[in-house]
Amino acid sequence: MAFVPPPVASPRARELGRELADVIEKYRREHPDVSGREVRQALRIALRGGEARPQVALLAMGVAALLGLFASLYRNSGEGGGGLPILPFILLIVLLVGWVLFVRLR
């Protein structure tokens, strides 16, 4: 089994990490009731800047794959009336995706 060492942070990244830790520590001294969850939320807000969120892209790809699967099932079901109606599946997927995005982005 090959051992791959973790990537080493650059000097600037280490400096920024120390500065962030100092700011968080100072804020916690001034506001002793702040929770770890609030600190994580603040960091998440700060990181949202302009970076693309890979979770959203993965979710969109998953939805596209599911829609393709249901469209394929619907198309291959034939016209005999025994096929699956696709509209309820699409509505369910859209509602599910909306709910997941709402929960993840709030």
N, C-alpha and C. Protein backbone atom coordinates (compact mmCIF):
# COMPACT_ATOMS: atom_id res chain seq x y z
N MET A 1 0.85 -1.17 0.00
CA MET A 1 0.00 0.00 0.00
C MET A 1 0.90 1.24 0.00
N ALA A 2 0.65 2.13 -0.93
CA ALA A 2 1.46 3.34 -1.04
C ALA A 2 0.94 4.40 -0.09
N PHE A 3 1.84 5.11 0.53
CA PHE A 3 1.48 6.20 1.43
C PHE A 3 1.61 7.52 0.68
N VAL A 4 0.53 8.27 0.68
CA VAL A 4 0.55 9.58 0.03
C VAL A 4 0.41 10.62 1.13
N PRO A 5 1.45 11.42 1.35
CA PRO A 5 1.36 12.41 2.43
C PRO A 5 0.33 13.49 2.09
N PRO A 6 -0.29 14.06 3.11
CA PRO A 6 -1.27 15.12 2.85
C PRO A 6 -0.57 16.34 2.25
N PRO A 7 -1.29 17.11 1.46
CA PRO A 7 -0.67 18.29 0.87
C PRO A 7 -0.26 19.29 1.94
N VAL A 8 0.87 19.93 1.74
CA VAL A 8 1.39 20.91 2.68
C VAL A 8 0.86 22.29 2.27
N ALA A 9 0.35 23.02 3.26
CA ALA A 9 -0.19 24.34 2.99
C ALA A 9 0.94 25.31 2.68
N SER A 10 0.66 26.24 1.80
CA SER A 10 1.65 27.25 1.44
C SER A 10 1.85 28.21 2.62
N PRO A 11 2.95 28.94 2.63
CA PRO A 11 3.17 29.90 3.72
C PRO A 11 2.04 30.93 3.82
N ARG A 12 1.54 31.39 2.68
CA ARG A 12 0.44 32.37 2.73
C ARG A 12 -0.81 31.75 3.32
N ALA A 13 -1.08 30.50 2.98
CA ALA A 13 -2.27 29.82 3.52
C ALA A 13 -2.13 29.65 5.04
N ARG A 14 -0.93 29.30 5.49
CA ARG A 14 -0.72 29.17 6.94
C ARG A 14 -0.88 30.51 7.64
N GLU A 15 -0.37 31.58 7.03
CA GLU A 15 -0.51 32.92 7.61
C GLU A 15 -1.97 33.32 7.70
N LEU A 16 -2.72 33.09 6.63
CA LEU A 16 -4.14 33.41 6.63
C LEU A 16 -4.88 32.58 7.68
N GLY A 17 -4.51 31.32 7.81
CA GLY A 17 -5.13 30.47 8.83
C GLY A 17 -4.89 31.00 10.23
N ARG A 18 -3.65 31.46 10.49
CA ARG A 18 -3.36 32.03 11.82
C ARG A 18 -4.16 33.31 12.05
N GLU A 19 -4.26 34.15 11.01
CA GLU A 19 -5.02 35.39 11.16
C GLU A 19 -6.50 35.11 11.40
N LEU A 20 -7.06 34.16 10.67
CA LEU A 20 -8.46 33.80 10.88
C LEU A 20 -8.68 33.27 12.30
N ALA A 21 -7.77 32.41 12.76
CA ALA A 21 -7.88 31.86 14.11
C ALA A 21 -7.81 32.99 15.15
N ASP A 22 -6.93 33.98 14.92
CA ASP A 22 -6.83 35.12 15.85
C ASP A 22 -8.12 35.94 15.87
N VAL A 23 -8.69 36.19 14.70
CA VAL A 23 -9.93 36.97 14.63
C VAL A 23 -11.07 36.22 15.32
N ILE A 24 -11.16 34.91 15.08
CA ILE A 24 -12.22 34.12 15.72
C ILE A 24 -12.03 34.11 17.23
N GLU A 25 -10.80 33.95 17.69
CA GLU A 25 -10.53 33.93 19.13
C GLU A 25 -10.88 35.28 19.76
N LYS A 26 -10.51 36.39 19.10
CA LYS A 26 -10.85 37.72 19.60
C LYS A 26 -12.36 37.90 19.67
N TYR A 27 -13.07 37.46 18.65
CA TYR A 27 -14.53 37.57 18.63
C TYR A 27 -15.14 36.74 19.76
N ARG A 28 -14.60 35.57 19.99
CA ARG A 28 -15.13 34.71 21.07
C ARG A 28 -14.89 35.33 22.44
N ARG A 29 -13.76 36.04 22.61
CA ARG A 29 -13.51 36.70 23.89
C ARG A 29 -14.52 37.84 24.10
N GLU A 30 -14.82 38.58 23.02
CA GLU A 30 -15.76 39.69 23.12
C GLU A 30 -17.20 39.22 23.22
N HIS A 31 -17.49 38.06 22.66
CA HIS A 31 -18.85 37.49 22.66
C HIS A 31 -18.78 36.04 23.15
N PRO A 32 -18.68 35.84 24.45
CA PRO A 32 -18.49 34.48 24.97
C PRO A 32 -19.64 33.52 24.70
N ASP A 33 -20.81 34.03 24.32
CA ASP A 33 -21.95 33.16 24.08
C ASP A 33 -22.02 32.64 22.64
N VAL A 34 -21.06 33.02 21.79
CA VAL A 34 -21.08 32.55 20.40
C VAL A 34 -20.78 31.05 20.37
N SER A 35 -21.55 30.35 19.54
CA SER A 35 -21.38 28.90 19.48
C SER A 35 -20.46 28.51 18.32
N GLY A 36 -19.98 27.29 18.36
CA GLY A 36 -19.17 26.76 17.27
C GLY A 36 -19.95 26.72 15.96
N ARG A 37 -21.25 26.45 16.07
CA ARG A 37 -22.10 26.41 14.88
C ARG A 37 -22.14 27.78 14.22
N GLU A 38 -22.26 28.84 15.01
CA GLU A 38 -22.29 30.18 14.45
C GLU A 38 -20.97 30.54 13.78
N VAL A 39 -19.86 30.10 14.36
CA VAL A 39 -18.55 30.35 13.74
C VAL A 39 -18.47 29.62 12.40
N ARG A 40 -18.91 28.36 12.36
CA ARG A 40 -18.89 27.62 11.09
C ARG A 40 -19.79 28.28 10.04
N GLN A 41 -20.96 28.75 10.47
CA GLN A 41 -21.85 29.43 9.54
C GLN A 41 -21.20 30.70 9.00
N ALA A 42 -20.53 31.46 9.87
CA ALA A 42 -19.86 32.68 9.43
C ALA A 42 -18.75 32.36 8.43
N LEU A 43 -17.98 31.31 8.70
CA LEU A 43 -16.93 30.92 7.76
C LEU A 43 -17.53 30.49 6.42
N ARG A 44 -18.64 29.77 6.47
CA ARG A 44 -19.31 29.35 5.24
C ARG A 44 -19.78 30.56 4.44
N ILE A 45 -20.33 31.57 5.13
CA ILE A 45 -20.78 32.79 4.46
C ILE A 45 -19.59 33.50 3.84
N ALA A 46 -18.49 33.57 4.56
CA ALA A 46 -17.29 34.25 4.04
C ALA A 46 -16.72 33.52 2.83
N LEU A 47 -16.81 32.20 2.82
CA LEU A 47 -16.24 31.43 1.71
C LEU A 47 -17.13 31.41 0.49
N ARG A 48 -18.40 31.77 0.63
CA ARG A 48 -19.31 31.74 -0.51
C ARG A 48 -18.90 32.71 -1.60
N GLY A 49 -18.14 33.72 -1.28
CA GLY A 49 -17.65 34.73 -2.20
C GLY A 49 -18.07 34.55 -3.64
N GLY A 50 -17.18 34.05 -4.49
CA GLY A 50 -17.51 33.88 -5.89
C GLY A 50 -17.22 32.48 -6.38
N GLU A 51 -16.91 31.58 -5.47
CA GLU A 51 -16.55 30.23 -5.89
C GLU A 51 -17.80 29.41 -6.22
N ALA A 52 -17.68 28.60 -7.23
CA ALA A 52 -18.77 27.70 -7.60
C ALA A 52 -18.89 26.63 -6.53
N ARG A 53 -20.10 26.20 -6.29
CA ARG A 53 -20.32 25.17 -5.28
C ARG A 53 -20.44 23.82 -5.96
N PRO A 54 -19.49 22.92 -5.72
CA PRO A 54 -19.53 21.63 -6.39
C PRO A 54 -20.75 20.79 -6.01
N GLN A 55 -21.31 21.00 -4.81
CA GLN A 55 -22.48 20.22 -4.42
C GLN A 55 -23.67 20.54 -5.33
N VAL A 56 -23.82 21.80 -5.69
CA VAL A 56 -24.93 22.18 -6.55
C VAL A 56 -24.75 21.57 -7.94
N ALA A 57 -23.52 21.57 -8.44
CA ALA A 57 -23.26 20.97 -9.75
C ALA A 57 -23.53 19.47 -9.71
N LEU A 58 -23.10 18.80 -8.65
CA LEU A 58 -23.36 17.36 -8.52
C LEU A 58 -24.86 17.08 -8.42
N LEU A 59 -25.55 17.91 -7.68
CA LEU A 59 -26.99 17.74 -7.56
C LEU A 59 -27.68 17.91 -8.91
N ALA A 60 -27.26 18.92 -9.67
CA ALA A 60 -27.84 19.14 -10.99
C ALA A 60 -27.58 17.95 -11.91
N MET A 61 -26.37 17.39 -11.84
CA MET A 61 -26.06 16.21 -12.67
C MET A 61 -26.92 15.02 -12.25
N GLY A 62 -27.12 14.85 -10.96
CA GLY A 62 -27.96 13.75 -10.48
C GLY A 62 -29.40 13.90 -10.93
N VAL A 63 -29.91 15.11 -10.87
CA VAL A 63 -31.29 15.37 -11.32
C VAL A 63 -31.40 15.09 -12.81
N ALA A 64 -30.41 15.54 -13.58
CA ALA A 64 -30.44 15.29 -15.03
C ALA A 64 -30.43 13.79 -15.32
N ALA A 65 -29.64 13.05 -14.56
CA ALA A 65 -29.58 11.60 -14.76
C ALA A 65 -30.93 10.95 -14.42
N LEU A 66 -31.55 11.39 -13.32
CA LEU A 66 -32.85 10.84 -12.95
C LEU A 66 -33.92 11.18 -13.98
N LEU A 67 -33.91 12.42 -14.46
CA LEU A 67 -34.88 12.79 -15.49
C LEU A 67 -34.67 11.96 -16.75
N GLY A 68 -33.42 11.72 -17.11
CA GLY A 68 -33.14 10.88 -18.27
C GLY A 68 -33.63 9.46 -18.07
N LEU A 69 -33.45 8.92 -16.87
CA LEU A 69 -33.92 7.58 -16.57
C LEU A 69 -35.45 7.49 -16.68
N PHE A 70 -36.15 8.45 -16.07
CA PHE A 70 -37.61 8.42 -16.13
C PHE A 70 -38.12 8.65 -17.54
N ALA A 71 -37.46 9.53 -18.29
CA ALA A 71 -37.88 9.74 -19.68
C ALA A 71 -37.69 8.46 -20.48
N SER A 72 -36.60 7.74 -20.22
CA SER A 72 -36.36 6.48 -20.91
C SER A 72 -37.42 5.45 -20.53
N LEU A 73 -37.75 5.36 -19.25
CA LEU A 73 -38.80 4.43 -18.81
C LEU A 73 -40.13 4.77 -19.46
N TYR A 74 -40.45 6.04 -19.52
CA TYR A 74 -41.71 6.47 -20.11
C TYR A 74 -41.75 6.17 -21.61
N ARG A 75 -40.64 6.46 -22.30
CA ARG A 75 -40.60 6.25 -23.74
C ARG A 75 -40.69 4.76 -24.07
N ASN A 76 -40.05 3.92 -23.27
CA ASN A 76 -40.02 2.48 -23.54
C ASN A 76 -41.26 1.75 -23.01
N SER A 77 -42.15 2.48 -22.36
CA SER A 77 -43.32 1.81 -21.78
C SER A 77 -44.38 1.48 -22.83
N GLY A 78 -44.28 2.10 -23.97
CA GLY A 78 -45.25 1.81 -25.03
C GLY A 78 -46.50 2.64 -24.91
N GLU A 79 -47.38 2.50 -25.86
CA GLU A 79 -48.59 3.31 -25.90
C GLU A 79 -49.79 2.53 -25.37
N GLY A 80 -49.57 1.36 -24.82
CA GLY A 80 -50.66 0.52 -24.39
C GLY A 80 -51.32 0.94 -23.11
N GLY A 81 -50.93 2.05 -22.54
CA GLY A 81 -51.54 2.53 -21.30
C GLY A 81 -50.92 1.93 -20.06
N GLY A 82 -49.99 0.98 -20.21
CA GLY A 82 -49.38 0.37 -19.04
C GLY A 82 -48.12 1.08 -18.60
N GLY A 83 -47.79 2.14 -19.27
CA GLY A 83 -46.55 2.85 -18.95
C GLY A 83 -46.67 3.73 -17.72
N LEU A 84 -45.54 4.18 -17.25
CA LEU A 84 -45.50 5.06 -16.10
C LEU A 84 -45.75 6.49 -16.53
N PRO A 85 -46.65 7.21 -15.87
CA PRO A 85 -46.82 8.62 -16.19
C PRO A 85 -45.60 9.40 -15.68
N ILE A 86 -45.00 10.20 -16.54
CA ILE A 86 -43.74 10.85 -16.19
C ILE A 86 -43.93 12.16 -15.43
N LEU A 87 -45.03 12.84 -15.64
CA LEU A 87 -45.23 14.15 -15.02
C LEU A 87 -45.16 14.10 -13.49
N PRO A 88 -45.80 13.15 -12.81
CA PRO A 88 -45.67 13.12 -11.35
C PRO A 88 -44.22 12.90 -10.89
N PHE A 89 -43.46 12.11 -11.62
CA PHE A 89 -42.06 11.90 -11.26
C PHE A 89 -41.26 13.19 -11.40
N ILE A 90 -41.49 13.92 -12.49
CA ILE A 90 -40.77 15.17 -12.70
C ILE A 90 -41.13 16.17 -11.62
N LEU A 91 -42.41 16.29 -11.30
CA LEU A 91 -42.83 17.20 -10.23
C LEU A 91 -42.21 16.81 -8.89
N LEU A 92 -42.18 15.53 -8.59
CA LEU A 92 -41.58 15.06 -7.35
C LEU A 92 -40.09 15.39 -7.31
N ILE A 93 -39.40 15.19 -8.40
CA ILE A 93 -37.97 15.49 -8.45
C ILE A 93 -37.72 16.99 -8.29
N VAL A 94 -38.52 17.80 -8.96
CA VAL A 94 -38.35 19.25 -8.84
C VAL A 94 -38.59 19.70 -7.41
N LEU A 95 -39.63 19.18 -6.76
CA LEU A 95 -39.89 19.51 -5.36
C LEU A 95 -38.75 19.05 -4.46
N LEU A 96 -38.25 17.85 -4.69
CA LEU A 96 -37.15 17.34 -3.89
C LEU A 96 -35.89 18.17 -4.06
N VAL A 97 -35.58 18.52 -5.29
CA VAL A 97 -34.40 19.35 -5.55
C VAL A 97 -34.56 20.73 -4.91
N GLY A 98 -35.74 21.31 -5.03
CA GLY A 98 -35.98 22.60 -4.39
C GLY A 98 -35.82 22.54 -2.89
N TRP A 99 -36.33 21.48 -2.28
CA TRP A 99 -36.20 21.31 -0.84
C TRP A 99 -34.74 21.15 -0.43
N VAL A 100 -33.99 20.32 -1.16
CA VAL A 100 -32.57 20.10 -0.85
C VAL A 100 -31.79 21.40 -0.98
N LEU A 101 -32.04 22.15 -2.06
CA LEU A 101 -31.34 23.43 -2.22
C LEU A 101 -31.71 24.40 -1.12
N PHE A 102 -32.97 24.44 -0.73
CA PHE A 102 -33.40 25.31 0.35
C PHE A 102 -32.67 24.97 1.63
N VAL A 103 -32.60 23.70 1.96
CA VAL A 103 -31.94 23.27 3.19
C VAL A 103 -30.44 23.53 3.14
N ARG A 104 -29.80 23.25 2.00
CA ARG A 104 -28.35 23.40 1.88
C ARG A 104 -27.90 24.87 1.83
N LEU A 105 -28.71 25.75 1.26
CA LEU A 105 -28.28 27.12 1.04
C LEU A 105 -28.75 28.10 2.11
N ARG A 106 -29.53 27.64 3.06
CA ARG A 106 -29.99 28.60 4.06
C ARG A 106 -28.95 28.86 5.11
